[in-house]
C-alpha atoms as a PDB file:
ATOM      1  CA  MET A   1       5.558   6.741  17.960  1.00  0.00           C
ATOM      2  CA  GLN A   2       5.602   4.376  20.859  1.00  0.00           C
ATOM      3  CA  LEU A   3       8.427   6.484  22.791  1.00  0.00           C
ATOM      4  CA  ALA A   4       6.317  10.140  21.584  1.00  0.00           C
ATOM      5  CA  ALA A   5       3.419   8.312  23.781  1.00  0.00           C
ATOM      6  CA  PHE A   6       5.310   7.741  27.348  1.00  0.00           C
ATOM      7  CA  SER A   7       8.070  10.023  28.100  1.00  0.00           C
ATOM      8  CA  ALA A   8       7.291  13.642  29.583  1.00  0.00           C
ATOM      9  CA  GLU A   9      10.380  15.134  27.174  1.00  0.00           C
ATOM     10  CA  HIS A  10       9.005  15.471  23.472  1.00  0.00           C
ATOM     11  CA  ILE A  11      10.911  14.714  21.053  1.00  0.00           C
ATOM     12  CA  PRO A  12      10.853  16.247  17.338  1.00  0.00           C
ATOM     13  CA  LEU A  13      12.935  13.293  15.216  1.00  0.00           C
ATOM     14  CA  GLY A  14      10.552  10.872  16.929  1.00  0.00           C
ATOM     15  CA  HIS A  15       7.320  13.076  15.680  1.00  0.00           C
ATOM     16  CA  SER A  16       8.519  13.608  12.448  1.00  0.00           C
ATOM     17  CA  ALA A  17       9.293  10.495  11.793  1.00  0.00           C
ATOM     18  CA  MET A  18       5.421   9.642  12.347  1.00  0.00           C
ATOM     19  CA  GLN A  19       4.841  12.912  10.312  1.00  0.00           C
ATOM     20  CA  ILE A  20       6.507  10.854   6.942  1.00  0.00           C
ATOM     21  CA  ASN A  21       5.898   7.225   8.127  1.00  0.00           C
ATOM     22  CA  GLU A  22       1.370   8.662   8.672  1.00  0.00           C
ATOM     23  CA  GLY A  23       2.478  10.629   4.834  1.00  0.00           C
ATOM     24  CA  LEU A  24       3.424   8.048   2.946  1.00  0.00           C
ATOM     25  CA  PRO A  25       0.518   7.569   1.916  1.00  0.00           C
ATOM     26  CA  GLY A  26      -0.234  11.036   0.268  1.00  0.00           C
ATOM     27  CA  PHE A  27       3.181  10.729  -1.198  1.00  0.00           C
ATOM     28  CA  VAL A  28       2.315   7.712  -3.334  1.00  0.00           C
ATOM     29  CA  ILE A  29      -0.912   8.641  -4.422  1.00  0.00           C
ATOM     30  CA  ALA A  30       1.140  12.005  -5.891  1.00  0.00           C
ATOM     31  CA  ALA A  31       3.116   9.874  -7.401  1.00  0.00           C
ATOM     32  CA  MET A  32       0.550   7.808  -8.771  1.00  0.00           C
ATOM     33  CA  GLU A  33      -1.854  11.095 -10.421  1.00  0.00           C
ATOM     34  CA  GLN A  34       2.083  11.751 -12.024  1.00  0.00           C
ATOM     35  CA  ARG A  35       2.665   8.664 -13.256  1.00  0.00           C
ATOM     36  CA  PHE A  36      -0.585   7.223 -14.441  1.00  0.00           C
ATOM     37  CA  GLY A  37      -3.098  10.444 -14.366  1.00  0.00           C
ATOM     38  CA  VAL A  38      -6.576  10.439 -12.595  1.00  0.00           C
ATOM     39  CA  LEU A  39      -7.301   7.715 -10.997  1.00  0.00           C
ATOM     40  CA  ARG A  40     -10.413   8.638 -11.303  1.00  0.00           C
ATOM     41  CA  GLY A  41     -13.135   5.880 -12.125  1.00  0.00           C
ATOM     42  CA  ARG A  42      -9.478   3.752 -12.289  1.00  0.00           C
ATOM     43  CA  THR A  43      -9.332  -0.254 -11.162  1.00  0.00           C
ATOM     44  CA  VAL A  44      -6.748  -0.541  -8.310  1.00  0.00           C
ATOM     45  CA  GLY A  45      -5.092  -3.087  -6.683  1.00  0.00           C
ATOM     46  CA  LEU A  46      -4.135  -2.811  -3.850  1.00  0.00           C
ATOM     47  CA  LEU A  47      -1.376  -6.696  -2.856  1.00  0.00           C
ATOM     48  CA  GLY A  48      -0.647  -6.695   0.852  1.00  0.00           C
ATOM     49  CA  MET A  49      -2.811  -4.703   3.725  1.00  0.00           C
ATOM     50  CA  ALA A  50      -0.807  -6.370   6.096  1.00  0.00           C
ATOM     51  CA  PHE A  51       1.287  -3.888   9.088  1.00  0.00           C
ATOM     52  CA  LYS A  52       4.268  -6.238   7.785  1.00  0.00           C
ATOM     53  CA  ALA A  53       6.295  -9.112   4.973  1.00  0.00           C
ATOM     54  CA  GLU A  54       4.281 -12.283   6.513  1.00  0.00           C
ATOM     55  CA  SER A  55       2.720 -11.042   9.248  1.00  0.00           C
ATOM     56  CA  ASP A  56      -1.156 -11.530   9.646  1.00  0.00           C
ATOM     57  CA  ASP A  57      -1.654  -8.394  11.571  1.00  0.00           C
ATOM     58  CA  PRO A  58      -3.095  -5.512   9.705  1.00  0.00           C
ATOM     59  CA  ARG A  59      -3.884  -2.828  12.949  1.00  0.00           C
ATOM     60  CA  ALA A  60      -0.887   0.571  12.021  1.00  0.00           C
ATOM     61  CA  SER A  61      -1.058  -1.459   8.236  1.00  0.00           C
ATOM     62  CA  LEU A  62      -0.867   1.935   5.696  1.00  0.00           C
ATOM     63  CA  SER A  63      -2.208  -0.472   2.818  1.00  0.00           C
ATOM     64  CA  PHE A  64      -5.637   0.161   4.407  1.00  0.00           C
ATOM     65  CA  LYS A  65      -4.586   4.663   4.321  1.00  0.00           C
ATOM     66  CA  LEU A  66      -3.556   4.172   1.438  1.00  0.00           C
ATOM     67  CA  ARG A  67      -7.162   2.720   0.190  1.00  0.00           C
ATOM     68  CA  ARG A  68      -9.155   4.858   1.962  1.00  0.00           C
ATOM     69  CA  LEU A  69      -7.002   7.588   0.447  1.00  0.00           C
ATOM     70  CA  LEU A  70      -7.268   6.022  -3.682  1.00  0.00           C
ATOM     71  CA  MET A  71     -11.636   5.886  -3.452  1.00  0.00           C
ATOM     72  CA  TRP A  72     -11.647   9.166  -2.504  1.00  0.00           C
ATOM     73  CA  ALA A  73      -9.405   9.326  -5.273  1.00  0.00           C
ATOM     74  CA  GLY A  74     -12.235   8.052  -7.032  1.00  0.00           C
ATOM     75  CA  ALA A  75     -10.397   4.219  -8.092  1.00  0.00           C
ATOM     76  CA  ARG A  76     -12.408   1.268  -7.587  1.00  0.00           C
ATOM     77  CA  VAL A  77      -9.548  -0.466  -4.604  1.00  0.00           C
ATOM     78  CA  LEU A  78      -9.596  -4.036  -5.064  1.00  0.00           C
ATOM     79  CA  CYS A  79      -7.043  -5.476  -2.083  1.00  0.00           C
ATOM     80  CA  THR A  80      -5.769  -8.477  -1.119  1.00  0.00           C
ATOM     81  CA  ASP A  81      -3.594 -10.421   1.337  1.00  0.00           C
ATOM     82  CA  PRO A  82      -2.390 -13.942   1.557  1.00  0.00           C
ATOM     83  CA  TYR A  83      -2.267 -14.031   5.723  1.00  0.00           C
ATOM     84  CA  VAL A  84      -4.567 -11.284   6.237  1.00  0.00           C
ATOM     85  CA  SER A  85      -8.858 -12.485   6.862  1.00  0.00           C
ATOM     86  CA  ASP A  86     -11.213  -9.712   5.913  1.00  0.00           C
ATOM     87  CA  ASP A  87     -14.135 -10.306   4.446  1.00  0.00           C
ATOM     88  CA  ARG A  88     -13.526  -6.744   1.993  1.00  0.00           C
ATOM     89  CA  LEU A  89      -9.974  -9.258   0.379  1.00  0.00           C
ATOM     90  CA  LEU A  90     -10.679 -10.747  -2.869  1.00  0.00           C
ATOM     91  CA  PRO A  91      -8.031 -13.746  -3.899  1.00  0.00           C
ATOM     92  CA  LEU A  92      -4.704 -12.440  -5.912  1.00  0.00           C
ATOM     93  CA  ASP A  93      -5.924 -14.326  -9.554  1.00  0.00           C
ATOM     94  CA  ARG A  94      -9.011 -11.520  -9.591  1.00  0.00           C
ATOM     95  CA  VAL A  95      -6.922  -8.064  -7.970  1.00  0.00           C
ATOM     96  CA  LEU A  96      -4.647  -9.302 -10.777  1.00  0.00           C
ATOM     97  CA  ALA A  97      -6.685  -9.583 -14.255  1.00  0.00           C
ATOM     98  CA  GLU A  98      -9.401  -6.628 -13.064  1.00  0.00           C
ATOM     99  CA  SER A  99      -7.061  -4.373 -11.811  1.00  0.00           C
ATOM    100  CA  GLU A 100      -5.517  -1.485 -14.529  1.00  0.00           C
ATOM    101  CA  ILE A 101      -2.005  -0.427 -11.988  1.00  0.00           C
ATOM    102  CA  LEU A 102      -1.117  -2.849  -9.804  1.00  0.00           C
ATOM    103  CA  VAL A 103       0.382  -1.372  -5.882  1.00  0.00           C
ATOM    104  CA  ILE A 104       2.557  -3.411  -4.001  1.00  0.00           C
ATOM    105  CA  GLY A 105       1.861  -2.146  -0.458  1.00  0.00           C
ATOM    106  CA  VAL A 106       3.380  -5.041   1.278  1.00  0.00           C
ATOM    107  CA  PRO A 107       6.382  -7.495   0.408  1.00  0.00           C
ATOM    108  CA  HIS A 108       4.548 -10.618   1.134  1.00  0.00           C
ATOM    109  CA  ARG A 109       7.255 -13.383  -0.166  1.00  0.00           C
ATOM    110  CA  ALA A 110       4.027 -14.836  -1.936  1.00  0.00           C
ATOM    111  CA  TYR A 111       4.566 -11.637  -4.991  1.00  0.00           C
ATOM    112  CA  ARG A 112       7.743 -12.472  -6.397  1.00  0.00           C
ATOM    113  CA  ASP A 113       6.396 -15.170  -7.944  1.00  0.00           C
ATOM    114  CA  VAL A 114       4.442 -13.264 -10.149  1.00  0.00           C
ATOM    115  CA  GLN A 115       4.937 -11.905 -12.596  1.00  0.00           C
ATOM    116  CA  LEU A 116       4.135  -8.051 -11.912  1.00  0.00           C
ATOM    117  CA  PRO A 117       3.503  -5.707 -15.749  1.00  0.00           C
ATOM    118  CA  ALA A 118       6.421  -3.162 -14.457  1.00  0.00           C
ATOM    119  CA  GLU A 119       4.725  -0.962 -17.000  1.00  0.00           C
ATOM    120  CA  ARG A 120       1.147  -1.495 -14.788  1.00  0.00           C
ATOM    121  CA  LEU A 121       2.728  -1.605 -10.869  1.00  0.00           C
ATOM    122  CA  VAL A 122       3.427   0.383  -8.150  1.00  0.00           C
ATOM    123  CA  ASP A 123       6.409  -0.564  -6.150  1.00  0.00           C
ATOM    124  CA  ILE A 124       7.872   1.055  -3.142  1.00  0.00           C
ATOM    125  CA  TRP A 125       9.181  -1.762  -1.616  1.00  0.00           C
ATOM    126  CA  GLY A 126      11.464  -3.164  -4.756  1.00  0.00           C
ATOM    127  CA  ALA A 127       9.898  -6.572  -3.630  1.00  0.00           C
ATOM    128  CA  ALA A 128       9.671  -6.685  -7.915  1.00  0.00           C
ATOM    129  CA  GLY A 129      13.458  -6.562  -8.350  1.00  0.00           C
ATOM    130  CA  HIS A 130      12.583  -3.119  -9.119  1.00  0.00           C
ATOM    131  CA  ILE A 131      11.673   0.060  -6.936  1.00  0.00           C
ATOM    132  CA  SER A 132       8.748   1.842  -8.973  1.00  0.00           C
ATOM    133  CA  LEU A 133       5.980   4.937  -8.182  1.00  0.00           C
END
């Protein structure tokens, strides 16, 4: 995105990479609907809202886009992050207790020690020891 913004040249590879990255939340939603069925009325816990692991910076984080798309799909979305300060975020234990489906949005080390049920986990990072969609 930086190269495309500051270059007079057309950079198709950069644009393609940006489209793939920005399309990831939509891909995750489609995979979740295939695996779990309709998301409307379900409670989804989103673990991690920062841009990258071990960071408190939420700028350009795709987790917020994923949250918005989940809400548009009719899901109740509960979000948590051990580093990001945001009044909309909840404690991890509450998100784990109330969620039917859990999504690791950012692979913070803090989630490695948490027992996450594989049958209701979406782990695109492999943070829980296996990749699942």
